[in-house]
Amino acid sequence: MIYPKADDIKNFYDWGMFSNEDVAKFVGFGTITEEEYKEITGEKLDYRNDEK
């Protein structure tokens, strides 16, 4: 079982505990998909902002 799941990540995001960058890391880890990222944040994943 993978934790956190997309629902957990969304809750943490909604509570202000995760930023868009934090959620994007879960895509990189393979925990959530790019589509789930969009559902959670309301934005399309932009890889150009990952190089910080």
C-alpha atoms as a PDB file:
ATOM      1  CA  MET A   1       0.000   0.000   0.000  1.00  0.00           C
ATOM      2  CA  ILE A   2       1.280   3.448  -0.924  1.00  0.00           C
ATOM      3  CA  TYR A   3       0.882   6.234   1.604  1.00  0.00           C
ATOM      4  CA  PRO A   4      -0.091   8.943   1.276  1.00  0.00           C
ATOM      5  CA  LYS A   5      -2.743   8.321  -1.348  1.00  0.00           C
ATOM      6  CA  ALA A   6      -4.157  11.016  -3.616  1.00  0.00           C
ATOM      7  CA  ASP A   7      -7.048  11.691  -1.208  1.00  0.00           C
ATOM      8  CA  ASP A   8      -4.630  12.194   1.681  1.00  0.00           C
ATOM      9  CA  ILE A   9      -2.453  14.518  -0.387  1.00  0.00           C
ATOM     10  CA  LYS A  10      -5.530  16.537  -1.371  1.00  0.00           C
ATOM     11  CA  ASN A  11      -6.557  16.898   2.274  1.00  0.00           C
ATOM     12  CA  PHE A  12      -3.086  18.096   3.260  1.00  0.00           C
ATOM     13  CA  TYR A  13      -3.093  20.494   0.286  1.00  0.00           C
ATOM     14  CA  ASP A  14      -6.528  21.849   1.216  1.00  0.00           C
ATOM     15  CA  TRP A  15      -5.340  22.365   4.806  1.00  0.00           C
ATOM     16  CA  GLY A  16      -2.385  24.393   3.505  1.00  0.00           C
ATOM     17  CA  MET A  17       0.186  21.821   4.576  1.00  0.00           C
ATOM     18  CA  PHE A  18       1.374  21.057   1.013  1.00  0.00           C
ATOM     19  CA  SER A  19       2.239  23.576  -1.715  1.00  0.00           C
ATOM     20  CA  ASN A  20       1.973  22.943  -5.456  1.00  0.00           C
ATOM     21  CA  GLU A  21       5.690  22.097  -5.426  1.00  0.00           C
ATOM     22  CA  ASP A  22       5.139  19.556  -2.655  1.00  0.00           C
ATOM     23  CA  VAL A  23       2.321  17.896  -4.607  1.00  0.00           C
ATOM     24  CA  ALA A  24       4.492  17.845  -7.754  1.00  0.00           C
ATOM     25  CA  LYS A  25       7.096  15.829  -5.841  1.00  0.00           C
ATOM     26  CA  PHE A  26       4.522  13.083  -5.347  1.00  0.00           C
ATOM     27  CA  VAL A  27       4.141  12.884  -9.142  1.00  0.00           C
ATOM     28  CA  GLY A  28       7.916  12.439  -9.387  1.00  0.00           C
ATOM     29  CA  PHE A  29       7.802   9.711  -6.728  1.00  0.00           C
ATOM     30  CA  GLY A  30       5.086   7.892  -8.723  1.00  0.00           C
ATOM     31  CA  THR A  31       2.592   8.252  -5.862  1.00  0.00           C
ATOM     32  CA  ILE A  32       0.052  10.218  -7.941  1.00  0.00           C
ATOM     33  CA  THR A  33      -0.435  10.873 -11.652  1.00  0.00           C
ATOM     34  CA  GLU A  34      -0.259  14.187 -13.478  1.00  0.00           C
ATOM     35  CA  GLU A  35      -4.054  14.037 -13.789  1.00  0.00           C
ATOM     36  CA  GLU A  36      -4.394  13.628 -10.024  1.00  0.00           C
ATOM     37  CA  TYR A  37      -2.011  16.587  -9.585  1.00  0.00           C
ATOM     38  CA  LYS A  38      -4.394  18.676 -11.708  1.00  0.00           C
ATOM     39  CA  GLU A  39      -7.411  17.467  -9.709  1.00  0.00           C
ATOM     40  CA  ILE A  40      -5.687  18.364  -6.423  1.00  0.00           C
ATOM     41  CA  THR A  41      -4.216  21.757  -7.361  1.00  0.00           C
ATOM     42  CA  GLY A  42      -6.517  22.853 -10.178  1.00  0.00           C
ATOM     43  CA  GLU A  43      -3.466  23.490 -12.343  1.00  0.00           C
ATOM     44  CA  LYS A  44      -1.604  21.576 -15.017  1.00  0.00           C
ATOM     45  CA  LEU A  45       1.821  20.358 -13.889  1.00  0.00           C
ATOM     46  CA  ASP A  46       4.514  22.697 -15.232  1.00  0.00           C
ATOM     47  CA  TYR A  47       7.916  20.997 -15.256  1.00  0.00           C
ATOM     48  CA  ARG A  48       9.716  24.269 -16.004  1.00  0.00           C
ATOM     49  CA  ASN A  49       9.159  25.370 -12.386  1.00  0.00           C
ATOM     50  CA  ASP A  50      10.733  22.201 -10.935  1.00  0.00           C
ATOM     51  CA  GLU A  51      14.315  23.364 -11.480  1.00  0.00           C
ATOM     52  CA  LYS A  52      14.946  25.279  -8.270  1.00  0.00           C
END
